[in-house]
Amino acid sequence: MSNNRQTANDARQAFSIMIPSGSLGYQSTIQTLNISQRQKRPTSRLCMSDFESDFASAMPEKPVLSFQEQMTESATTFMVDLESRLGEGVSVPTEFDELKAARDGKADPCELASKIYVLLIEQGMLYDQSPEDGTLTPTNFIIKENLEIPEVKEEFSYLYKYGMSLIAKEVVDVDTIKGIVKDRLIKRTGLSPEEFDSWLGY
């Protein structure tokens, strides 16, 4: 990870990949891929669940994933989800293959995170999502002509904030995110960087 000295444990606590299943024109549903632990609730009653809990506690603990393993798992989950929702005959974008190659090549977490971010953007920009079953089909939506639509601004705002969160959590460096935002988001609006910030309310 460029210029970062976080331990894997710090990174696990600080970072999770959020994958919206929505696309441009529809409100995003966010799935947070992280690791959580259940806390048992104290009770004075003896019931079957107590025995189940005792049995579970006697089992070996599930191995804690390293940050590298978490990012690899997040990449895989995202790709499987995207591919499963493509309509018949619809191809994955080239960014899908680039993420797959990075994952299979055991790229570092920073590279995986940046490629997940890029694919996340392309998913939203290239496909329409069916409100009935979530199927993704190629979009004919012209972004530059529809900047006044609230859902368009919401989509761009979410994707922009996602990139900023990767910087804040020191997962991806500033220059990488700035380049992605400029090339993948700002250019699609036809706005200057200053106009883009103003459009989003910054």
N, C-alpha and C. Protein backbone atom coordinates (compact mmCIF):
# COMPACT_ATOMS: atom_id res chain seq x y z
N MET A 1 0.85 -1.20 0.00
CA MET A 1 0.00 0.00 0.00
C MET A 1 0.88 1.24 0.00
N SER A 2 0.75 2.10 -0.98
CA SER A 2 1.65 3.24 -1.14
C SER A 2 1.58 4.20 0.04
N ASN A 3 2.75 4.48 0.63
CA ASN A 3 2.88 5.47 1.70
C ASN A 3 2.03 5.17 2.93
N ASN A 4 1.61 3.93 3.10
CA ASN A 4 0.79 3.58 4.26
C ASN A 4 1.53 2.59 5.13
N ARG A 5 1.40 2.75 6.44
CA ARG A 5 2.06 1.87 7.39
C ARG A 5 1.06 1.22 8.33
N GLN A 6 -0.19 1.07 7.88
CA GLN A 6 -1.20 0.46 8.74
C GLN A 6 -0.92 -1.02 8.91
N THR A 7 -1.21 -1.55 10.07
CA THR A 7 -1.16 -2.99 10.25
C THR A 7 -2.41 -3.58 9.66
N ALA A 8 -2.39 -4.89 9.42
CA ALA A 8 -3.58 -5.54 8.86
C ALA A 8 -4.76 -5.40 9.81
N ASN A 9 -4.50 -5.43 11.10
CA ASN A 9 -5.58 -5.32 12.07
C ASN A 9 -6.22 -3.94 12.02
N ASP A 10 -5.38 -2.90 11.95
CA ASP A 10 -5.90 -1.53 11.85
C ASP A 10 -6.75 -1.38 10.59
N ALA A 11 -6.27 -1.95 9.50
CA ALA A 11 -6.99 -1.83 8.24
C ALA A 11 -8.33 -2.54 8.31
N ARG A 12 -8.36 -3.70 8.94
CA ARG A 12 -9.62 -4.43 9.06
C ARG A 12 -10.65 -3.62 9.82
N GLN A 13 -10.21 -2.92 10.87
CA GLN A 13 -11.13 -2.12 11.67
C GLN A 13 -11.57 -0.87 10.93
N ALA A 14 -10.72 -0.38 10.03
CA ALA A 14 -10.99 0.91 9.41
C ALA A 14 -11.73 0.83 8.09
N PHE A 15 -11.70 -0.35 7.45
CA PHE A 15 -12.14 -0.37 6.05
C PHE A 15 -13.12 -1.48 5.76
N SER A 16 -14.10 -1.19 4.95
CA SER A 16 -14.99 -2.21 4.40
C SER A 16 -15.38 -1.78 3.00
N ILE A 17 -15.57 -2.74 2.14
CA ILE A 17 -15.97 -2.44 0.77
C ILE A 17 -17.48 -2.36 0.71
N MET A 18 -18.00 -1.25 0.21
CA MET A 18 -19.44 -1.09 0.08
C MET A 18 -19.81 -1.17 -1.39
N ILE A 19 -20.65 -2.12 -1.71
CA ILE A 19 -21.01 -2.36 -3.10
C ILE A 19 -22.48 -2.06 -3.32
N PRO A 20 -22.81 -1.01 -4.10
CA PRO A 20 -24.20 -0.74 -4.37
C PRO A 20 -24.71 -1.63 -5.49
N SER A 21 -25.87 -2.21 -5.32
CA SER A 21 -26.43 -3.05 -6.37
C SER A 21 -27.23 -2.23 -7.35
N GLY A 22 -27.32 -0.90 -7.11
CA GLY A 22 -28.08 -0.06 -8.02
C GLY A 22 -27.21 0.45 -9.15
N SER A 23 -27.82 1.14 -10.10
CA SER A 23 -27.09 1.77 -11.19
C SER A 23 -27.73 3.10 -11.49
N LEU A 24 -27.18 3.84 -12.43
CA LEU A 24 -27.62 5.19 -12.71
C LEU A 24 -29.12 5.23 -12.98
N GLY A 25 -29.79 6.14 -12.28
CA GLY A 25 -31.23 6.27 -12.46
C GLY A 25 -32.03 5.56 -11.38
N TYR A 26 -31.37 4.76 -10.56
CA TYR A 26 -32.04 4.06 -9.49
C TYR A 26 -31.26 4.26 -8.20
N GLN A 27 -31.98 4.29 -7.10
CA GLN A 27 -31.32 4.49 -5.81
C GLN A 27 -30.50 3.26 -5.47
N SER A 28 -29.27 3.46 -5.01
CA SER A 28 -28.37 2.36 -4.71
C SER A 28 -28.74 1.66 -3.41
N THR A 29 -28.65 0.33 -3.43
CA THR A 29 -28.77 -0.46 -2.22
C THR A 29 -27.38 -0.91 -1.85
N ILE A 30 -26.91 -0.56 -0.67
CA ILE A 30 -25.52 -0.79 -0.31
C ILE A 30 -25.37 -2.05 0.51
N GLN A 31 -24.44 -2.89 0.07
CA GLN A 31 -24.07 -4.07 0.83
C GLN A 31 -22.71 -3.82 1.42
N THR A 32 -22.56 -3.90 2.74
CA THR A 32 -21.27 -3.68 3.37
C THR A 32 -20.63 -5.02 3.66
N LEU A 33 -19.44 -5.21 3.07
CA LEU A 33 -18.73 -6.46 3.24
C LEU A 33 -17.70 -6.27 4.36
N ASN A 34 -18.05 -6.71 5.55
CA ASN A 34 -17.09 -6.62 6.65
C ASN A 34 -17.25 -7.82 7.56
N ILE A 35 -16.44 -7.86 8.61
CA ILE A 35 -16.47 -8.95 9.56
C ILE A 35 -17.03 -8.45 10.87
N SER A 36 -18.04 -9.10 11.40
CA SER A 36 -18.64 -8.69 12.67
C SER A 36 -18.76 -9.90 13.56
N GLN A 37 -18.87 -9.64 14.85
CA GLN A 37 -19.01 -10.69 15.84
C GLN A 37 -20.31 -10.50 16.60
N ARG A 38 -21.00 -11.59 16.87
CA ARG A 38 -22.21 -11.52 17.65
C ARG A 38 -21.89 -11.47 19.14
N GLN A 39 -22.67 -10.70 19.88
CA GLN A 39 -22.51 -10.64 21.33
C GLN A 39 -23.69 -11.35 21.98
N LYS A 40 -23.40 -12.23 22.89
CA LYS A 40 -24.47 -12.96 23.56
C LYS A 40 -25.18 -12.05 24.56
N ARG A 41 -26.49 -12.19 24.63
CA ARG A 41 -27.28 -11.38 25.54
C ARG A 41 -27.47 -12.16 26.83
N PRO A 42 -27.13 -11.57 28.00
CA PRO A 42 -27.29 -12.29 29.27
C PRO A 42 -28.76 -12.56 29.55
N THR A 43 -29.06 -13.73 30.10
CA THR A 43 -30.43 -14.08 30.46
C THR A 43 -30.41 -15.01 31.66
N SER A 44 -31.46 -14.95 32.44
CA SER A 44 -31.54 -15.79 33.64
C SER A 44 -32.28 -17.08 33.35
N ARG A 45 -32.82 -17.20 32.14
CA ARG A 45 -33.59 -18.38 31.79
C ARG A 45 -32.70 -19.40 31.11
N LEU A 46 -32.88 -20.64 31.44
CA LEU A 46 -32.14 -21.71 30.80
C LEU A 46 -32.97 -22.23 29.63
N CYS A 47 -32.41 -22.17 28.46
CA CYS A 47 -33.15 -22.64 27.29
C CYS A 47 -32.20 -23.34 26.34
N MET A 48 -32.77 -23.91 25.29
CA MET A 48 -31.98 -24.71 24.35
C MET A 48 -30.87 -23.89 23.72
N SER A 49 -31.12 -22.60 23.50
CA SER A 49 -30.11 -21.77 22.85
C SER A 49 -28.85 -21.66 23.69
N ASP A 50 -28.98 -21.81 25.02
CA ASP A 50 -27.80 -21.76 25.87
C ASP A 50 -26.86 -22.91 25.55
N PHE A 51 -27.43 -24.10 25.34
CA PHE A 51 -26.61 -25.25 25.01
C PHE A 51 -25.97 -25.08 23.63
N GLU A 52 -26.76 -24.48 22.70
CA GLU A 52 -26.22 -24.25 21.37
C GLU A 52 -25.06 -23.27 21.42
N SER A 53 -25.21 -22.22 22.27
CA SER A 53 -24.14 -21.23 22.39
C SER A 53 -22.89 -21.85 22.99
N ASP A 54 -23.08 -22.71 24.02
CA ASP A 54 -21.94 -23.36 24.64
C ASP A 54 -21.24 -24.26 23.65
N PHE A 55 -22.04 -24.95 22.83
CA PHE A 55 -21.46 -25.85 21.83
C PHE A 55 -20.65 -25.05 20.81
N ALA A 56 -21.23 -23.92 20.38
CA ALA A 56 -20.54 -23.09 19.38
C ALA A 56 -19.24 -22.53 19.92
N SER A 57 -19.26 -22.14 21.22
CA SER A 57 -18.06 -21.56 21.82
C SER A 57 -16.95 -22.57 21.98
N ALA A 58 -17.32 -23.85 21.98
CA ALA A 58 -16.31 -24.90 22.12
C ALA A 58 -15.64 -25.23 20.80
N MET A 59 -16.23 -24.75 19.72
CA MET A 59 -15.66 -25.00 18.39
C MET A 59 -14.49 -24.06 18.14
N PRO A 60 -13.57 -24.46 17.30
CA PRO A 60 -12.43 -23.58 16.99
C PRO A 60 -12.92 -22.27 16.37
N GLU A 61 -12.28 -21.16 16.74
CA GLU A 61 -12.67 -19.87 16.19
C GLU A 61 -12.34 -19.79 14.71
N LYS A 62 -13.21 -19.08 13.98
CA LYS A 62 -12.98 -18.88 12.56
C LYS A 62 -11.74 -18.01 12.37
N PRO A 63 -10.83 -18.40 11.50
CA PRO A 63 -9.62 -17.61 11.31
C PRO A 63 -9.95 -16.17 10.92
N VAL A 64 -9.20 -15.23 11.48
CA VAL A 64 -9.38 -13.83 11.15
C VAL A 64 -8.64 -13.55 9.84
N LEU A 65 -9.35 -12.96 8.89
CA LEU A 65 -8.76 -12.69 7.59
C LEU A 65 -7.77 -11.52 7.66
N SER A 66 -6.69 -11.64 6.93
CA SER A 66 -5.76 -10.52 6.79
C SER A 66 -6.40 -9.48 5.89
N PHE A 67 -5.84 -8.28 5.86
CA PHE A 67 -6.38 -7.23 5.00
C PHE A 67 -6.32 -7.67 3.54
N GLN A 68 -5.23 -8.31 3.15
CA GLN A 68 -5.09 -8.82 1.79
C GLN A 68 -6.22 -9.80 1.47
N GLU A 69 -6.49 -10.71 2.41
CA GLU A 69 -7.53 -11.70 2.20
C GLU A 69 -8.91 -11.06 2.14
N GLN A 70 -9.13 -10.03 2.96
CA GLN A 70 -10.41 -9.33 2.92
C GLN A 70 -10.63 -8.66 1.57
N MET A 71 -9.60 -8.02 1.05
CA MET A 71 -9.72 -7.33 -0.22
C MET A 71 -9.95 -8.33 -1.36
N THR A 72 -9.26 -9.46 -1.29
CA THR A 72 -9.44 -10.50 -2.30
C THR A 72 -10.87 -11.03 -2.25
N GLU A 73 -11.37 -11.24 -1.06
CA GLU A 73 -12.75 -11.73 -0.89
C GLU A 73 -13.76 -10.70 -1.38
N SER A 74 -13.51 -9.43 -1.08
CA SER A 74 -14.40 -8.37 -1.53
C SER A 74 -14.44 -8.28 -3.05
N ALA A 75 -13.27 -8.40 -3.68
CA ALA A 75 -13.19 -8.36 -5.13
C ALA A 75 -13.98 -9.51 -5.74
N THR A 76 -13.80 -10.69 -5.18
CA THR A 76 -14.50 -11.88 -5.69
C THR A 76 -16.01 -11.73 -5.54
N THR A 77 -16.44 -11.28 -4.36
CA THR A 77 -17.87 -11.12 -4.10
C THR A 77 -18.49 -10.12 -5.06
N PHE A 78 -17.81 -9.01 -5.29
CA PHE A 78 -18.31 -7.99 -6.19
C PHE A 78 -18.44 -8.53 -7.62
N MET A 79 -17.41 -9.22 -8.09
CA MET A 79 -17.43 -9.74 -9.46
C MET A 79 -18.53 -10.79 -9.66
N VAL A 80 -18.67 -11.67 -8.68
CA VAL A 80 -19.71 -12.69 -8.77
C VAL A 80 -21.09 -12.05 -8.81
N ASP A 81 -21.30 -11.03 -7.95
CA ASP A 81 -22.59 -10.34 -7.90
C ASP A 81 -22.88 -9.64 -9.22
N LEU A 82 -21.91 -8.91 -9.74
CA LEU A 82 -22.12 -8.18 -10.99
C LEU A 82 -22.41 -9.14 -12.14
N GLU A 83 -21.61 -10.18 -12.26
CA GLU A 83 -21.77 -11.12 -13.38
C GLU A 83 -23.11 -11.84 -13.32
N SER A 84 -23.56 -12.13 -12.10
CA SER A 84 -24.82 -12.86 -11.94
C SER A 84 -26.04 -12.03 -12.31
N ARG A 85 -25.89 -10.71 -12.33
CA ARG A 85 -27.03 -9.83 -12.61
C ARG A 85 -27.05 -9.31 -14.04
N LEU A 86 -26.07 -9.67 -14.85
CA LEU A 86 -26.06 -9.23 -16.24
C LEU A 86 -27.18 -9.91 -17.02
N GLY A 87 -27.84 -9.13 -17.88
CA GLY A 87 -28.88 -9.69 -18.72
C GLY A 87 -28.30 -10.66 -19.73
N GLU A 88 -29.18 -11.42 -20.36
CA GLU A 88 -28.74 -12.41 -21.34
C GLU A 88 -27.97 -11.73 -22.48
N GLY A 89 -26.78 -12.25 -22.75
CA GLY A 89 -25.97 -11.71 -23.83
C GLY A 89 -25.21 -10.45 -23.50
N VAL A 90 -25.35 -9.93 -22.28
CA VAL A 90 -24.66 -8.71 -21.88
C VAL A 90 -23.27 -9.05 -21.36
N SER A 91 -22.27 -8.36 -21.84
CA SER A 91 -20.88 -8.64 -21.47
C SER A 91 -20.44 -7.81 -20.28
N VAL A 92 -19.46 -8.32 -19.56
CA VAL A 92 -18.85 -7.55 -18.48
C VAL A 92 -17.97 -6.47 -19.10
N PRO A 93 -17.74 -5.36 -18.40
CA PRO A 93 -16.84 -4.33 -18.93
C PRO A 93 -15.39 -4.77 -18.82
N THR A 94 -14.50 -4.12 -19.55
CA THR A 94 -13.08 -4.48 -19.51
C THR A 94 -12.52 -4.33 -18.10
N GLU A 95 -13.09 -3.42 -17.31
CA GLU A 95 -12.61 -3.20 -15.94
C GLU A 95 -12.84 -4.43 -15.07
N PHE A 96 -13.82 -5.24 -15.42
CA PHE A 96 -14.07 -6.50 -14.72
C PHE A 96 -12.87 -7.43 -14.89
N ASP A 97 -12.42 -7.57 -16.14
CA ASP A 97 -11.28 -8.43 -16.42
C ASP A 97 -10.00 -7.91 -15.76
N GLU A 98 -9.87 -6.59 -15.68
CA GLU A 98 -8.69 -6.00 -15.04
C GLU A 98 -8.68 -6.30 -13.54
N LEU A 99 -9.85 -6.23 -12.90
CA LEU A 99 -9.93 -6.56 -11.48
C LEU A 99 -9.66 -8.04 -11.27
N LYS A 100 -10.20 -8.88 -12.13
CA LYS A 100 -10.00 -10.32 -12.02
C LYS A 100 -8.52 -10.67 -12.15
N ALA A 101 -7.85 -10.03 -13.09
CA ALA A 101 -6.42 -10.29 -13.29
C ALA A 101 -5.62 -9.84 -12.07
N ALA A 102 -6.00 -8.70 -11.49
CA ALA A 102 -5.30 -8.20 -10.30
C ALA A 102 -5.51 -9.14 -9.12
N ARG A 103 -6.74 -9.62 -8.96
CA ARG A 103 -7.01 -10.56 -7.87
C ARG A 103 -6.25 -11.86 -8.06
N ASP A 104 -6.30 -12.42 -9.26
CA ASP A 104 -5.62 -13.68 -9.53
C ASP A 104 -4.10 -13.53 -9.43
N GLY A 105 -3.60 -12.33 -9.70
CA GLY A 105 -2.18 -12.07 -9.61
C GLY A 105 -1.73 -11.66 -8.23
N LYS A 106 -2.67 -11.74 -7.27
CA LYS A 106 -2.38 -11.40 -5.87
C LYS A 106 -1.84 -9.98 -5.74
N ALA A 107 -2.51 -9.04 -6.41
CA ALA A 107 -2.13 -7.63 -6.31
C ALA A 107 -2.29 -7.15 -4.88
N ASP A 108 -1.57 -6.08 -4.53
CA ASP A 108 -1.64 -5.58 -3.16
C ASP A 108 -3.02 -4.96 -2.90
N PRO A 109 -3.40 -4.82 -1.63
CA PRO A 109 -4.74 -4.31 -1.29
C PRO A 109 -5.07 -2.95 -1.89
N CYS A 110 -4.06 -2.08 -2.00
CA CYS A 110 -4.29 -0.76 -2.58
C CYS A 110 -4.75 -0.88 -4.03
N GLU A 111 -4.08 -1.71 -4.80
CA GLU A 111 -4.46 -1.89 -6.20
C GLU A 111 -5.83 -2.54 -6.32
N LEU A 112 -6.10 -3.53 -5.49
CA LEU A 112 -7.41 -4.18 -5.53
C LEU A 112 -8.52 -3.19 -5.21
N ALA A 113 -8.30 -2.37 -4.18
CA ALA A 113 -9.31 -1.39 -3.78
C ALA A 113 -9.58 -0.38 -4.88
N SER A 114 -8.52 0.08 -5.54
CA SER A 114 -8.70 1.07 -6.61
C SER A 114 -9.42 0.46 -7.81
N LYS A 115 -9.13 -0.80 -8.12
CA LYS A 115 -9.79 -1.45 -9.24
C LYS A 115 -11.25 -1.80 -8.92
N ILE A 116 -11.54 -2.10 -7.67
CA ILE A 116 -12.92 -2.29 -7.25
C ILE A 116 -13.68 -0.98 -7.42
N TYR A 117 -13.06 0.12 -7.02
CA TYR A 117 -13.67 1.44 -7.16
C TYR A 117 -13.97 1.76 -8.62
N VAL A 118 -13.01 1.49 -9.49
CA VAL A 118 -13.20 1.75 -10.92
C VAL A 118 -14.36 0.91 -11.47
N LEU A 119 -14.40 -0.37 -11.12
CA LEU A 119 -15.47 -1.23 -11.61
C LEU A 119 -16.82 -0.81 -11.04
N LEU A 120 -16.81 -0.34 -9.81
CA LEU A 120 -18.03 0.16 -9.18
C LEU A 120 -18.59 1.34 -9.97
N ILE A 121 -17.71 2.24 -10.38
CA ILE A 121 -18.13 3.40 -11.18
C ILE A 121 -18.67 2.94 -12.53
N GLU A 122 -17.94 2.05 -13.19
CA GLU A 122 -18.36 1.61 -14.53
C GLU A 122 -19.68 0.85 -14.48
N GLN A 123 -19.92 0.12 -13.43
CA GLN A 123 -21.20 -0.57 -13.28
C GLN A 123 -22.34 0.44 -13.29
N GLY A 124 -22.16 1.54 -12.55
CA GLY A 124 -23.19 2.56 -12.48
C GLY A 124 -23.36 3.35 -13.74
N MET A 125 -22.26 3.53 -14.50
CA MET A 125 -22.30 4.36 -15.70
C MET A 125 -22.73 3.61 -16.95
N LEU A 126 -22.45 2.31 -17.02
CA LEU A 126 -22.66 1.56 -18.25
C LEU A 126 -23.97 0.79 -18.32
N TYR A 127 -24.59 0.56 -17.16
CA TYR A 127 -25.77 -0.31 -17.16
C TYR A 127 -26.98 0.36 -16.51
N ASP A 128 -28.16 -0.05 -16.98
CA ASP A 128 -29.42 0.24 -16.30
C ASP A 128 -29.80 -0.99 -15.50
N GLN A 129 -30.43 -0.77 -14.36
CA GLN A 129 -30.85 -1.89 -13.53
C GLN A 129 -32.37 -2.00 -13.53
N SER A 130 -32.86 -3.19 -13.80
CA SER A 130 -34.30 -3.42 -13.78
C SER A 130 -34.83 -3.27 -12.36
N PRO A 131 -35.87 -2.44 -12.15
CA PRO A 131 -36.44 -2.30 -10.80
C PRO A 131 -37.17 -3.56 -10.34
N GLU A 132 -37.47 -4.45 -11.28
CA GLU A 132 -38.19 -5.68 -10.92
C GLU A 132 -37.26 -6.75 -10.35
N ASP A 133 -36.17 -7.04 -11.06
CA ASP A 133 -35.31 -8.15 -10.63
C ASP A 133 -33.83 -7.80 -10.55
N GLY A 134 -33.48 -6.54 -10.78
CA GLY A 134 -32.09 -6.13 -10.64
C GLY A 134 -31.20 -6.47 -11.82
N THR A 135 -31.79 -6.98 -12.90
CA THR A 135 -30.99 -7.32 -14.08
C THR A 135 -30.32 -6.08 -14.68
N LEU A 136 -29.06 -6.23 -15.07
CA LEU A 136 -28.30 -5.14 -15.66
C LEU A 136 -28.28 -5.25 -17.18
N THR A 137 -28.61 -4.16 -17.85
CA THR A 137 -28.57 -4.09 -19.31
C THR A 137 -27.87 -2.81 -19.72
N PRO A 138 -27.25 -2.78 -20.91
CA PRO A 138 -26.55 -1.57 -21.35
C PRO A 138 -27.48 -0.36 -21.37
N THR A 139 -26.97 0.78 -20.92
CA THR A 139 -27.79 1.98 -20.85
C THR A 139 -27.60 2.87 -22.07
N ASN A 140 -28.65 3.58 -22.42
CA ASN A 140 -28.57 4.61 -23.46
C ASN A 140 -28.69 5.99 -22.84
N PHE A 141 -28.55 6.05 -21.53
CA PHE A 141 -28.73 7.29 -20.77
C PHE A 141 -27.60 8.27 -21.10
N ILE A 142 -27.95 9.49 -21.44
CA ILE A 142 -26.95 10.53 -21.76
C ILE A 142 -26.78 11.41 -20.52
N ILE A 143 -25.68 11.22 -19.82
CA ILE A 143 -25.46 11.88 -18.54
C ILE A 143 -25.41 13.40 -18.68
N LYS A 144 -24.66 13.88 -19.65
CA LYS A 144 -24.45 15.33 -19.79
C LYS A 144 -25.76 16.09 -19.99
N GLU A 145 -26.77 15.43 -20.55
CA GLU A 145 -28.04 16.09 -20.82
C GLU A 145 -29.04 15.95 -19.68
N ASN A 146 -28.63 15.27 -18.60
CA ASN A 146 -29.57 14.99 -17.52
C ASN A 146 -29.00 15.27 -16.13
N LEU A 147 -28.12 16.25 -16.04
CA LEU A 147 -27.49 16.56 -14.76
C LEU A 147 -28.47 17.12 -13.74
N GLU A 148 -29.62 17.61 -14.21
CA GLU A 148 -30.59 18.20 -13.29
C GLU A 148 -31.44 17.15 -12.58
N ILE A 149 -31.37 15.90 -13.03
CA ILE A 149 -32.16 14.83 -12.40
C ILE A 149 -31.54 14.48 -11.05
N PRO A 150 -32.31 14.54 -9.97
CA PRO A 150 -31.76 14.30 -8.62
C PRO A 150 -31.04 12.96 -8.48
N GLU A 151 -31.60 11.91 -9.10
CA GLU A 151 -30.98 10.59 -8.98
C GLU A 151 -29.58 10.54 -9.60
N VAL A 152 -29.37 11.34 -10.64
CA VAL A 152 -28.05 11.39 -11.28
C VAL A 152 -27.03 12.01 -10.31
N LYS A 153 -27.43 13.10 -9.71
CA LYS A 153 -26.54 13.76 -8.74
C LYS A 153 -26.27 12.85 -7.55
N GLU A 154 -27.28 12.13 -7.10
CA GLU A 154 -27.12 11.21 -5.96
C GLU A 154 -26.11 10.12 -6.29
N GLU A 155 -26.21 9.58 -7.51
CA GLU A 155 -25.30 8.52 -7.93
C GLU A 155 -23.85 9.02 -7.96
N PHE A 156 -23.65 10.18 -8.55
CA PHE A 156 -22.30 10.75 -8.64
C PHE A 156 -21.78 11.12 -7.26
N SER A 157 -22.65 11.65 -6.44
CA SER A 157 -22.25 12.04 -5.08
C SER A 157 -21.81 10.82 -4.28
N TYR A 158 -22.56 9.73 -4.39
CA TYR A 158 -22.19 8.51 -3.68
C TYR A 158 -20.82 7.99 -4.14
N LEU A 159 -20.64 7.94 -5.46
CA LEU A 159 -19.39 7.42 -6.00
C LEU A 159 -18.20 8.32 -5.65
N TYR A 160 -18.43 9.62 -5.65
CA TYR A 160 -17.38 10.57 -5.27
C TYR A 160 -17.00 10.38 -3.80
N LYS A 161 -18.01 10.29 -2.94
CA LYS A 161 -17.75 10.12 -1.50
C LYS A 161 -17.07 8.79 -1.23
N TYR A 162 -17.41 7.78 -1.99
CA TYR A 162 -16.76 6.48 -1.83
C TYR A 162 -15.26 6.61 -2.05
N GLY A 163 -14.89 7.32 -3.11
CA GLY A 163 -13.48 7.53 -3.38
C GLY A 163 -12.79 8.31 -2.28
N MET A 164 -13.46 9.35 -1.77
CA MET A 164 -12.90 10.14 -0.69
C MET A 164 -12.70 9.30 0.58
N SER A 165 -13.61 8.33 0.79
CA SER A 165 -13.50 7.48 1.98
C SER A 165 -12.28 6.57 1.88
N LEU A 166 -11.92 6.17 0.67
CA LEU A 166 -10.72 5.34 0.49
C LEU A 166 -9.46 6.13 0.85
N ILE A 167 -9.48 7.42 0.56
CA ILE A 167 -8.35 8.28 0.93
C ILE A 167 -8.32 8.47 2.45
N ALA A 168 -9.48 8.80 3.01
CA ALA A 168 -9.56 9.07 4.45
C ALA A 168 -9.11 7.87 5.28
N LYS A 169 -9.41 6.67 4.78
CA LYS A 169 -9.04 5.46 5.51
C LYS A 169 -7.67 4.94 5.10
N GLU A 170 -6.97 5.73 4.28
CA GLU A 170 -5.61 5.41 3.85
C GLU A 170 -5.51 4.05 3.16
N VAL A 171 -6.52 3.75 2.37
CA VAL A 171 -6.53 2.51 1.60
C VAL A 171 -5.92 2.74 0.23
N VAL A 172 -6.25 3.88 -0.39
CA VAL A 172 -5.72 4.25 -1.71
C VAL A 172 -5.18 5.67 -1.61
N ASP A 173 -4.08 5.96 -2.30
CA ASP A 173 -3.46 7.28 -2.19
C ASP A 173 -4.26 8.35 -2.93
N VAL A 174 -4.02 9.60 -2.56
CA VAL A 174 -4.78 10.74 -3.08
C VAL A 174 -4.68 10.85 -4.60
N ASP A 175 -3.48 10.75 -5.15
CA ASP A 175 -3.30 10.94 -6.59
C ASP A 175 -4.07 9.89 -7.40
N THR A 176 -4.09 8.66 -6.92
CA THR A 176 -4.81 7.60 -7.63
C THR A 176 -6.30 7.90 -7.68
N ILE A 177 -6.86 8.28 -6.54
CA ILE A 177 -8.29 8.58 -6.48
C ILE A 177 -8.62 9.81 -7.31
N LYS A 178 -7.78 10.84 -7.24
CA LYS A 178 -8.02 12.04 -8.04
C LYS A 178 -8.06 11.71 -9.52
N GLY A 179 -7.17 10.84 -9.96
CA GLY A 179 -7.14 10.45 -11.36
C GLY A 179 -8.40 9.69 -11.76
N ILE A 180 -8.83 8.79 -10.89
CA ILE A 180 -10.05 8.02 -11.18
C ILE A 180 -11.27 8.93 -11.23
N VAL A 181 -11.39 9.82 -10.27
CA VAL A 181 -12.53 10.73 -10.23
C VAL A 181 -12.55 11.62 -11.46
N LYS A 182 -11.40 12.14 -11.85
CA LYS A 182 -11.33 13.03 -13.01
C LYS A 182 -11.71 12.30 -14.30
N ASP A 183 -11.14 11.10 -14.49
CA ASP A 183 -11.34 10.37 -15.74
C ASP A 183 -12.66 9.63 -15.82
N ARG A 184 -13.14 9.13 -14.67
CA ARG A 184 -14.32 8.27 -14.70
C ARG A 184 -15.62 8.97 -14.30
N LEU A 185 -15.50 10.06 -13.55
CA LEU A 185 -16.70 10.77 -13.11
C LEU A 185 -16.83 12.15 -13.75
N ILE A 186 -15.85 13.02 -13.51
CA ILE A 186 -15.96 14.40 -13.96
C ILE A 186 -16.09 14.50 -15.48
N LYS A 187 -15.29 13.74 -16.22
CA LYS A 187 -15.35 13.81 -17.69
C LYS A 187 -16.72 13.44 -18.22
N ARG A 188 -17.41 12.56 -17.54
CA ARG A 188 -18.72 12.11 -18.02
C ARG A 188 -19.78 13.19 -17.88
N THR A 189 -19.54 14.16 -17.01
CA THR A 189 -20.52 15.23 -16.82
C THR A 189 -20.30 16.39 -17.78
N GLY A 190 -19.09 16.50 -18.34
CA GLY A 190 -18.78 17.63 -19.19
C GLY A 190 -18.47 18.89 -18.41
N LEU A 191 -18.35 18.76 -17.10
CA LEU A 191 -18.06 19.91 -16.24
C LEU A 191 -16.58 20.01 -15.96
N SER A 192 -16.15 21.19 -15.55
CA SER A 192 -14.78 21.35 -15.07
C SER A 192 -14.74 20.82 -13.63
N PRO A 193 -13.55 20.54 -13.09
CA PRO A 193 -13.48 20.07 -11.70
C PRO A 193 -14.16 21.03 -10.73
N GLU A 194 -14.01 22.34 -10.96
CA GLU A 194 -14.64 23.32 -10.08
C GLU A 194 -16.16 23.28 -10.22
N GLU A 195 -16.64 23.16 -11.45
CA GLU A 195 -18.09 23.08 -11.69
C GLU A 195 -18.65 21.79 -11.11
N PHE A 196 -17.87 20.72 -11.21
CA PHE A 196 -18.30 19.42 -10.67
C PHE A 196 -18.50 19.51 -9.16
N ASP A 197 -17.54 20.12 -8.46
CA ASP A 197 -17.65 20.28 -7.01
C ASP A 197 -18.87 21.13 -6.65
N SER A 198 -19.08 22.20 -7.41
CA SER A 198 -20.22 23.08 -7.16
C SER A 198 -21.53 22.35 -7.41
N TRP A 199 -21.57 21.53 -8.45
CA TRP A 199 -22.76 20.75 -8.79
C TRP A 199 -23.13 19.79 -7.67
N LEU A 200 -22.11 19.21 -7.03
CA LEU A 200 -22.37 18.28 -5.93
C LEU A 200 -22.58 19.00 -4.60
N GLY A 201 -22.39 20.31 -4.60
CA GLY A 201 -22.65 21.08 -3.38
C GLY A 201 -21.44 21.27 -2.49
N TYR A 202 -20.23 21.17 -3.06
CA TYR A 202 -19.01 21.35 -2.27
C TYR A 202 -18.42 22.74 -2.50
